[in-house]
Each structure stands twice: as C-alpha cells, then as structure tokens.
Amino acid sequence: MITIEVALFATLRIYNPNGESSEPFKMQVPEGSTVTNLLAILKIPPGESKQVFINSCRQELDYILQEGERAAIFPPIAGG
C-alpha cells in the first residue's frame, strides 16, 4: 500500500470518506493504482470527474500513483 493525499472539489466533496468536505485527506491505495483505480475506490462515478491533477500537473486516467503524491480532483465546470 502507498499513502497519497487527496483533495475533492465542488460537487465531488460528497465522496470524501471523512464526510462532505473539500479539506485534503490522506488515504492508502494499493501499490500500482492508477487514477482510474483511485476514482473507483472513492466511488466517484465515471464522468463525474473532469480533471485530475497530481502534484499540480494534469494527468490522464492511466497515470500510476506514487507514494506521497497529492491528487486534486475536479468535476466538469459549466460557465459562460
């Protein structure tokens, strides 16, 4: 297992396992986990997240998470 820090923003706050919050939290995931695996562990339905940043760099769903990284997950945002 590896430990990462996760921050969920806007409507994704409801998937925080510690209660609805945008405060970052630490969690353990199996070694070799991808961003897709992380979203599944957090029970975020496909399409609910639009962009994921790992250590402030946008990453694709197949990115493999590493010990100590910080994931910031954002939903689709509408505006005009």
PDB file of N, CA and C in Angstrom:
ATOM      1  N   MET A   1       0.845  -1.182   0.000  1.00  0.00           N
ATOM      2  CA  MET A   1       0.000   0.000   0.000  1.00  0.00           C
ATOM      3  C   MET A   1       0.889   1.243   0.000  1.00  0.00           C
ATOM      4  N   ILE A   2       0.369   2.303  -0.635  1.00  0.00           N
ATOM      5  CA  ILE A   2       1.041   3.599  -0.608  1.00  0.00           C
ATOM      6  C   ILE A   2       0.067   4.621  -0.034  1.00  0.00           C
ATOM      7  N   THR A   3       0.595   5.696   0.506  1.00  0.00           N
ATOM      8  CA  THR A   3      -0.234   6.767   1.060  1.00  0.00           C
ATOM      9  C   THR A   3      -0.156   7.972   0.144  1.00  0.00           C
ATOM     10  N   ILE A   4      -1.326   8.509  -0.194  1.00  0.00           N
ATOM     11  CA  ILE A   4      -1.418   9.722  -1.005  1.00  0.00           C
ATOM     12  C   ILE A   4      -2.331  10.710  -0.296  1.00  0.00           C
ATOM     13  N   GLU A   5      -2.294  11.955  -0.743  1.00  0.00           N
ATOM     14  CA  GLU A   5      -3.194  12.977  -0.228  1.00  0.00           C
ATOM     15  C   GLU A   5      -4.176  13.322  -1.342  1.00  0.00           C
ATOM     16  N   VAL A   6      -5.438  13.445  -0.980  1.00  0.00           N
ATOM     17  CA  VAL A   6      -6.488  13.693  -1.973  1.00  0.00           C
ATOM     18  C   VAL A   6      -7.284  14.926  -1.574  1.00  0.00           C
ATOM     19  N   ALA A   7      -7.598  15.764  -2.557  1.00  0.00           N
ATOM     20  CA  ALA A   7      -8.489  16.903  -2.355  1.00  0.00           C
ATOM     21  C   ALA A   7      -9.601  16.796  -3.407  1.00  0.00           C
ATOM     22  N   LEU A   8     -10.842  16.853  -2.938  1.00  0.00           N
ATOM     23  CA  LEU A   8     -12.011  16.788  -3.819  1.00  0.00           C
ATOM     24  C   LEU A   8     -12.675  18.161  -3.848  1.00  0.00           C
ATOM     25  N   PHE A   9     -13.000  18.638  -5.033  1.00  0.00           N
ATOM     26  CA  PHE A   9     -13.519  19.995  -5.167  1.00  0.00           C
ATOM     27  C   PHE A   9     -14.963  20.023  -5.658  1.00  0.00           C
ATOM     28  N   ALA A  10     -15.645  21.117  -5.291  1.00  0.00           N
ATOM     29  CA  ALA A  10     -17.020  21.414  -5.716  1.00  0.00           C
ATOM     30  C   ALA A  10     -17.947  20.235  -5.394  1.00  0.00           C
ATOM     31  N   THR A  11     -18.687  19.754  -6.385  1.00  0.00           N
ATOM     32  CA  THR A  11     -19.691  18.709  -6.148  1.00  0.00           C
ATOM     33  C   THR A  11     -19.085  17.372  -5.749  1.00  0.00           C
ATOM     34  N   LEU A  12     -17.782  17.191  -5.924  1.00  0.00           N
ATOM     35  CA  LEU A  12     -17.141  15.922  -5.581  1.00  0.00           C
ATOM     36  C   LEU A  12     -16.874  15.787  -4.084  1.00  0.00           C
ATOM     37  N   ARG A  13     -17.091  16.862  -3.327  1.00  0.00           N
ATOM     38  CA  ARG A  13     -16.879  16.817  -1.872  1.00  0.00           C
ATOM     39  C   ARG A  13     -17.665  15.696  -1.207  1.00  0.00           C
ATOM     40  N   ILE A  14     -18.800  15.335  -1.799  1.00  0.00           N
ATOM     41  CA  ILE A  14     -19.647  14.308  -1.184  1.00  0.00           C
ATOM     42  C   ILE A  14     -18.978  12.935  -1.165  1.00  0.00           C
ATOM     43  N   TYR A  15     -17.919  12.749  -1.944  1.00  0.00           N
ATOM     44  CA  TYR A  15     -17.217  11.466  -1.988  1.00  0.00           C
ATOM     45  C   TYR A  15     -16.064  11.384  -1.004  1.00  0.00           C
ATOM     46  N   ASN A  16     -15.885  12.418  -0.201  1.00  0.00           N
ATOM     47  CA  ASN A  16     -14.839  12.405   0.824  1.00  0.00           C
ATOM     48  C   ASN A  16     -15.237  11.379   1.886  1.00  0.00           C
ATOM     49  N   PRO A  17     -14.417  10.357   2.129  1.00  0.00           N
ATOM     50  CA  PRO A  17     -14.777   9.328   3.111  1.00  0.00           C
ATOM     51  C   PRO A  17     -14.874   9.852   4.543  1.00  0.00           C
ATOM     52  N   ASN A  18     -14.354  11.045   4.802  1.00  0.00           N
ATOM     53  CA  ASN A  18     -14.411  11.632   6.139  1.00  0.00           C
ATOM     54  C   ASN A  18     -15.601  12.558   6.322  1.00  0.00           C
ATOM     55  N   GLY A  19     -16.522  12.571   5.357  1.00  0.00           N
ATOM     56  CA  GLY A  19     -17.666  13.471   5.404  1.00  0.00           C
ATOM     57  C   GLY A  19     -17.493  14.573   4.381  1.00  0.00           C
ATOM     58  N   GLU A  20     -18.582  15.151   3.953  1.00  0.00           N
ATOM     59  CA  GLU A  20     -18.564  16.143   2.880  1.00  0.00           C
ATOM     60  C   GLU A  20     -17.656  17.319   3.233  1.00  0.00           C
ATOM     61  N   SER A  21     -16.521  17.392   2.538  1.00  0.00           N
ATOM     62  CA  SER A  21     -15.530  18.424   2.813  1.00  0.00           C
ATOM     63  C   SER A  21     -14.575  18.542   1.638  1.00  0.00           C
ATOM     64  N   SER A  22     -14.054  19.750   1.433  1.00  0.00           N
ATOM     65  CA  SER A  22     -13.026  19.939   0.411  1.00  0.00           C
ATOM     66  C   SER A  22     -11.629  19.946   1.047  1.00  0.00           C
ATOM     67  N   GLU A  23     -11.557  19.665   2.356  1.00  0.00           N
ATOM     68  CA  GLU A  23     -10.258  19.583   3.028  1.00  0.00           C
ATOM     69  C   GLU A  23      -9.498  18.360   2.514  1.00  0.00           C
ATOM     70  N   PRO A  24      -8.221  18.510   2.217  1.00  0.00           N
ATOM     71  CA  PRO A  24      -7.430  17.354   1.779  1.00  0.00           C
ATOM     72  C   PRO A  24      -7.389  16.275   2.872  1.00  0.00           C
ATOM     73  N   PHE A  25      -7.302  15.027   2.442  1.00  0.00           N
ATOM     74  CA  PHE A  25      -7.217  13.911   3.376  1.00  0.00           C
ATOM     75  C   PHE A  25      -6.209  12.895   2.842  1.00  0.00           C
ATOM     76  N   LYS A  26      -5.626  12.150   3.752  1.00  0.00           N
ATOM     77  CA  LYS A  26      -4.684  11.106   3.357  1.00  0.00           C
ATOM     78  C   LYS A  26      -5.432   9.783   3.271  1.00  0.00           C
ATOM     79  N   MET A  27      -5.005   8.958   2.321  1.00  0.00           N
ATOM     80  CA  MET A  27      -5.591   7.636   2.197  1.00  0.00           C
ATOM     81  C   MET A  27      -4.569   6.678   1.622  1.00  0.00           C
ATOM     82  N   GLN A  28      -4.802   5.412   1.839  1.00  0.00           N
ATOM     83  CA  GLN A  28      -3.927   4.389   1.290  1.00  0.00           C
ATOM     84  C   GLN A  28      -4.610   3.727   0.107  1.00  0.00           C
ATOM     85  N   VAL A  29      -3.815   3.462  -0.916  1.00  0.00           N
ATOM     86  CA  VAL A  29      -4.274   2.746  -2.101  1.00  0.00           C
ATOM     87  C   VAL A  29      -3.237   1.663  -2.406  1.00  0.00           C
ATOM     88  N   PRO A  30      -3.666   0.606  -3.082  1.00  0.00           N
ATOM     89  CA  PRO A  30      -2.696  -0.441  -3.423  1.00  0.00           C
ATOM     90  C   PRO A  30      -1.587   0.095  -4.325  1.00  0.00           C
ATOM     91  N   GLU A  31      -0.378  -0.402  -4.122  1.00  0.00           N
ATOM     92  CA  GLU A  31       0.734  -0.027  -4.984  1.00  0.00           C
ATOM     93  C   GLU A  31       0.377  -0.381  -6.428  1.00  0.00           C
ATOM     94  N   GLY A  32       0.705   0.505  -7.363  1.00  0.00           N
ATOM     95  CA  GLY A  32       0.378   0.292  -8.774  1.00  0.00           C
ATOM     96  C   GLY A  32      -0.980   0.844  -9.166  1.00  0.00           C
ATOM     97  N   SER A  33      -1.692   1.484  -8.230  1.00  0.00           N
ATOM     98  CA  SER A  33      -3.015   2.048  -8.535  1.00  0.00           C
ATOM     99  C   SER A  33      -2.903   3.199  -9.519  1.00  0.00           C
ATOM    100  N   THR A  34      -3.866   3.269 -10.419  1.00  0.00           N
ATOM    101  CA  THR A  34      -3.955   4.368 -11.378  1.00  0.00           C
ATOM    102  C   THR A  34      -4.974   5.388 -10.882  1.00  0.00           C
ATOM    103  N   VAL A  35      -5.072   6.491 -11.607  1.00  0.00           N
ATOM    104  CA  VAL A  35      -6.099   7.488 -11.302  1.00  0.00           C
ATOM    105  C   VAL A  35      -7.481   6.841 -11.410  1.00  0.00           C
ATOM    106  N   THR A  36      -7.690   5.993 -12.403  1.00  0.00           N
ATOM    107  CA  THR A  36      -8.973   5.292 -12.545  1.00  0.00           C
ATOM    108  C   THR A  36      -9.275   4.473 -11.300  1.00  0.00           C
ATOM    109  N   ASN A  37      -8.261   3.763 -10.783  1.00  0.00           N
ATOM    110  CA  ASN A  37      -8.451   2.978  -9.559  1.00  0.00           C
ATOM    111  C   ASN A  37      -8.830   3.871  -8.389  1.00  0.00           C
ATOM    112  N   LEU A  38      -8.162   5.023  -8.276  1.00  0.00           N
ATOM    113  CA  LEU A  38      -8.458   5.961  -7.204  1.00  0.00           C
ATOM    114  C   LEU A  38      -9.904   6.423  -7.264  1.00  0.00           C
ATOM    115  N   LEU A  39     -10.376   6.781  -8.444  1.00  0.00           N
ATOM    116  CA  LEU A  39     -11.762   7.229  -8.598  1.00  0.00           C
ATOM    117  C   LEU A  39     -12.737   6.123  -8.199  1.00  0.00           C
ATOM    118  N   ALA A  40     -12.413   4.884  -8.549  1.00  0.00           N
ATOM    119  CA  ALA A  40     -13.272   3.755  -8.189  1.00  0.00           C
ATOM    120  C   ALA A  40     -13.276   3.533  -6.677  1.00  0.00           C
ATOM    121  N   ILE A  41     -12.108   3.622  -6.045  1.00  0.00           N
ATOM    122  CA  ILE A  41     -12.015   3.453  -4.595  1.00  0.00           C
ATOM    123  C   ILE A  41     -12.863   4.508  -3.884  1.00  0.00           C
ATOM    124  N   LEU A  42     -12.851   5.724  -4.416  1.00  0.00           N
ATOM    125  CA  LEU A  42     -13.629   6.824  -3.827  1.00  0.00           C
ATOM    126  C   LEU A  42     -15.102   6.769  -4.219  1.00  0.00           C
ATOM    127  N   LYS A  43     -15.461   5.814  -5.089  1.00  0.00           N
ATOM    128  CA  LYS A  43     -16.838   5.630  -5.567  1.00  0.00           C
ATOM    129  C   LYS A  43     -17.350   6.836  -6.355  1.00  0.00           C
ATOM    130  N   ILE A  44     -16.431   7.486  -7.078  1.00  0.00           N
ATOM    131  CA  ILE A  44     -16.810   8.598  -7.952  1.00  0.00           C
ATOM    132  C   ILE A  44     -17.231   7.993  -9.289  1.00  0.00           C
ATOM    133  N   PRO A  45     -18.510   8.147  -9.677  1.00  0.00           N
ATOM    134  CA  PRO A  45     -18.993   7.536 -10.916  1.00  0.00           C
ATOM    135  C   PRO A  45     -18.260   8.063 -12.151  1.00  0.00           C
ATOM    136  N   PRO A  46     -18.117   7.202 -13.179  1.00  0.00           N
ATOM    137  CA  PRO A  46     -17.494   7.650 -14.432  1.00  0.00           C
ATOM    138  C   PRO A  46     -18.201   8.903 -14.956  1.00  0.00           C
ATOM    139  N   GLY A  47     -17.435   9.855 -15.415  1.00  0.00           N
ATOM    140  CA  GLY A  47     -17.995  11.097 -15.940  1.00  0.00           C
ATOM    141  C   GLY A  47     -18.197  12.191 -14.909  1.00  0.00           C
ATOM    142  N   GLU A  48     -18.131  11.836 -13.622  1.00  0.00           N
ATOM    143  CA  GLU A  48     -18.301  12.842 -12.566  1.00  0.00           C
ATOM    144  C   GLU A  48     -17.057  13.696 -12.380  1.00  0.00           C
ATOM    145  N   SER A  49     -15.891  13.138 -12.709  1.00  0.00           N
ATOM    146  CA  SER A  49     -14.668  13.923 -12.597  1.00  0.00           C
ATOM    147  C   SER A  49     -14.197  14.300 -13.992  1.00  0.00           C
ATOM    148  N   LYS A  50     -13.743  15.517 -14.123  1.00  0.00           N
ATOM    149  CA  LYS A  50     -13.312  16.027 -15.429  1.00  0.00           C
ATOM    150  C   LYS A  50     -11.796  16.098 -15.525  1.00  0.00           C
ATOM    151  N   GLN A  51     -11.167  16.605 -14.478  1.00  0.00           N
ATOM    152  CA  GLN A  51      -9.716  16.763 -14.498  1.00  0.00           C
ATOM    153  C   GLN A  51      -9.134  16.304 -13.171  1.00  0.00           C
ATOM    154  N   VAL A  52      -7.983  15.638 -13.278  1.00  0.00           N
ATOM    155  CA  VAL A  52      -7.256  15.207 -12.097  1.00  0.00           C
ATOM    156  C   VAL A  52      -5.833  15.736 -12.216  1.00  0.00           C
ATOM    157  N   PHE A  53      -5.411  16.417 -11.172  1.00  0.00           N
ATOM    158  CA  PHE A  53      -4.052  16.943 -11.106  1.00  0.00           C
ATOM    159  C   PHE A  53      -3.295  16.155 -10.045  1.00  0.00           C
ATOM    160  N   ILE A  54      -2.116  15.691 -10.400  1.00  0.00           N
ATOM    161  CA  ILE A  54      -1.236  15.018  -9.456  1.00  0.00           C
ATOM    162  C   ILE A  54      -0.023  15.923  -9.282  1.00  0.00           C
ATOM    163  N   ASN A  55       0.185  16.364  -8.047  1.00  0.00           N
ATOM    164  CA  ASN A  55       1.279  17.305  -7.755  1.00  0.00           C
ATOM    165  C   ASN A  55       1.233  18.508  -8.693  1.00  0.00           C
ATOM    166  N   SER A  56       0.040  19.043  -8.897  1.00  0.00           N
ATOM    167  CA  SER A  56      -0.218  20.259  -9.693  1.00  0.00           C
ATOM    168  C   SER A  56      -0.046  20.079 -11.201  1.00  0.00           C
ATOM    169  N   CYS A  57       0.111  18.843 -11.680  1.00  0.00           N
ATOM    170  CA  CYS A  57       0.223  18.579 -13.115  1.00  0.00           C
ATOM    171  C   CYS A  57      -0.950  17.714 -13.551  1.00  0.00           C
ATOM    172  N   ARG A  58      -1.658  18.148 -14.608  1.00  0.00           N
ATOM    173  CA  ARG A  58      -2.794  17.366 -15.098  1.00  0.00           C
ATOM    174  C   ARG A  58      -2.314  16.000 -15.564  1.00  0.00           C
ATOM    175  N   GLN A  59      -3.044  14.965 -15.160  1.00  0.00           N
ATOM    176  CA  GLN A  59      -2.668  13.599 -15.530  1.00  0.00           C
ATOM    177  C   GLN A  59      -3.856  12.869 -16.149  1.00  0.00           C
ATOM    178  N   GLU A  60      -3.530  11.857 -16.942  1.00  0.00           N
ATOM    179  CA  GLU A  60      -4.548  11.014 -17.565  1.00  0.00           C
ATOM    180  C   GLU A  60      -4.977   9.918 -16.591  1.00  0.00           C
ATOM    181  N   LEU A  61      -6.059   9.237 -16.934  1.00  0.00           N
ATOM    182  CA  LEU A  61      -6.624   8.221 -16.055  1.00  0.00           C
ATOM    183  C   LEU A  61      -5.708   7.017 -15.839  1.00  0.00           C
ATOM    184  N   ASP A  62      -4.774   6.775 -16.764  1.00  0.00           N
ATOM    185  CA  ASP A  62      -3.887   5.615 -16.627  1.00  0.00           C
ATOM    186  C   ASP A  62      -2.594   5.938 -15.864  1.00  0.00           C
ATOM    187  N   TYR A  63      -2.481   7.154 -15.346  1.00  0.00           N
ATOM    188  CA  TYR A  63      -1.301   7.542 -14.577  1.00  0.00           C
ATOM    189  C   TYR A  63      -1.206   6.683 -13.321  1.00  0.00           C
ATOM    190  N   ILE A  64      -0.027   6.163 -13.025  1.00  0.00           N
ATOM    191  CA  ILE A  64       0.189   5.318 -11.845  1.00  0.00           C
ATOM    192  C   ILE A  64       0.636   6.191 -10.675  1.00  0.00           C
ATOM    193  N   LEU A  65      -0.127   6.129  -9.606  1.00  0.00           N
ATOM    194  CA  LEU A  65       0.137   6.941  -8.420  1.00  0.00           C
ATOM    195  C   LEU A  65       1.373   6.440  -7.674  1.00  0.00           C
ATOM    196  N   GLN A  66       2.092   7.394  -7.067  1.00  0.00           N
ATOM    197  CA  GLN A  66       3.305   7.097  -6.318  1.00  0.00           C
ATOM    198  C   GLN A  66       3.149   7.560  -4.866  1.00  0.00           C
ATOM    199  N   GLU A  67       3.905   6.957  -3.990  1.00  0.00           N
ATOM    200  CA  GLU A  67       3.902   7.295  -2.564  1.00  0.00           C
ATOM    201  C   GLU A  67       4.059   8.798  -2.356  1.00  0.00           C
ATOM    202  N   GLY A  68       3.200   9.376  -1.502  1.00  0.00           N
ATOM    203  CA  GLY A  68       3.321  10.766  -1.104  1.00  0.00           C
ATOM    204  C   GLY A  68       2.767  11.790  -2.078  1.00  0.00           C
ATOM    205  N   GLU A  69       2.211  11.352  -3.210  1.00  0.00           N
ATOM    206  CA  GLU A  69       1.694  12.323  -4.182  1.00  0.00           C
ATOM    207  C   GLU A  69       0.389  12.936  -3.688  1.00  0.00           C
ATOM    208  N   ARG A  70       0.059  14.092  -4.292  1.00  0.00           N
ATOM    209  CA  ARG A  70      -1.174  14.798  -3.945  1.00  0.00           C
ATOM    210  C   ARG A  70      -2.070  14.830  -5.171  1.00  0.00           C
ATOM    211  N   ALA A  71      -3.273  14.309  -5.022  1.00  0.00           N
ATOM    212  CA  ALA A  71      -4.250  14.295  -6.113  1.00  0.00           C
ATOM    213  C   ALA A  71      -5.335  15.344  -5.836  1.00  0.00           C
ATOM    214  N   ALA A  72      -5.606  16.166  -6.833  1.00  0.00           N
ATOM    215  CA  ALA A  72      -6.692  17.147  -6.765  1.00  0.00           C
ATOM    216  C   ALA A  72      -7.682  16.777  -7.865  1.00  0.00           C
ATOM    217  N   ILE A  73      -8.935  16.513  -7.478  1.00  0.00           N
ATOM    218  CA  ILE A  73      -9.924  16.008  -8.424  1.00  0.00           C
ATOM    219  C   ILE A  73     -11.042  17.032  -8.570  1.00  0.00           C
ATOM    220  N   PHE A  74     -11.320  17.386  -9.834  1.00  0.00           N
ATOM    221  CA  PHE A  74     -12.303  18.417 -10.148  1.00  0.00           C
ATOM    222  C   PHE A  74     -13.433  17.853 -11.000  1.00  0.00           C
ATOM    223  N   PRO A  75     -14.680  18.327 -10.783  1.00  0.00           N
ATOM    224  CA  PRO A  75     -15.792  17.915 -11.636  1.00  0.00           C
ATOM    225  C   PRO A  75     -15.819  18.772 -12.904  1.00  0.00           C
ATOM    226  N   PRO A  76     -16.680  18.394 -13.875  1.00  0.00           N
ATOM    227  CA  PRO A  76     -16.892  19.280 -15.016  1.00  0.00           C
ATOM    228  C   PRO A  76     -17.439  20.621 -14.499  1.00  0.00           C
ATOM    229  N   ILE A  77     -17.013  21.693 -15.109  1.00  0.00           N
ATOM    230  CA  ILE A  77     -17.464  23.018 -14.679  1.00  0.00           C
ATOM    231  C   ILE A  77     -18.129  23.709 -15.852  1.00  0.00           C
ATOM    232  N   ALA A  78     -19.325  24.200 -15.610  1.00  0.00           N
ATOM    233  CA  ALA A  78     -20.049  24.942 -16.650  1.00  0.00           C
ATOM    234  C   ALA A  78     -19.969  26.420 -16.350  1.00  0.00           C
ATOM    235  N   GLY A  79     -20.028  27.198 -17.361  1.00  0.00           N
ATOM    236  CA  GLY A  79     -19.992  28.650 -17.153  1.00  0.00           C
ATOM    237  C   GLY A  79     -20.154  29.360 -18.478  1.00  0.00           C
ATOM    238  N   GLY A  80     -20.179  30.644 -18.410  1.00  0.00           N
ATOM    239  CA  GLY A  80     -20.389  31.323 -19.656  1.00  0.00           C
ATOM    240  C   GLY A  80     -19.949  32.726 -19.650  1.00  0.00           C
TER     241      GLY A  80
END
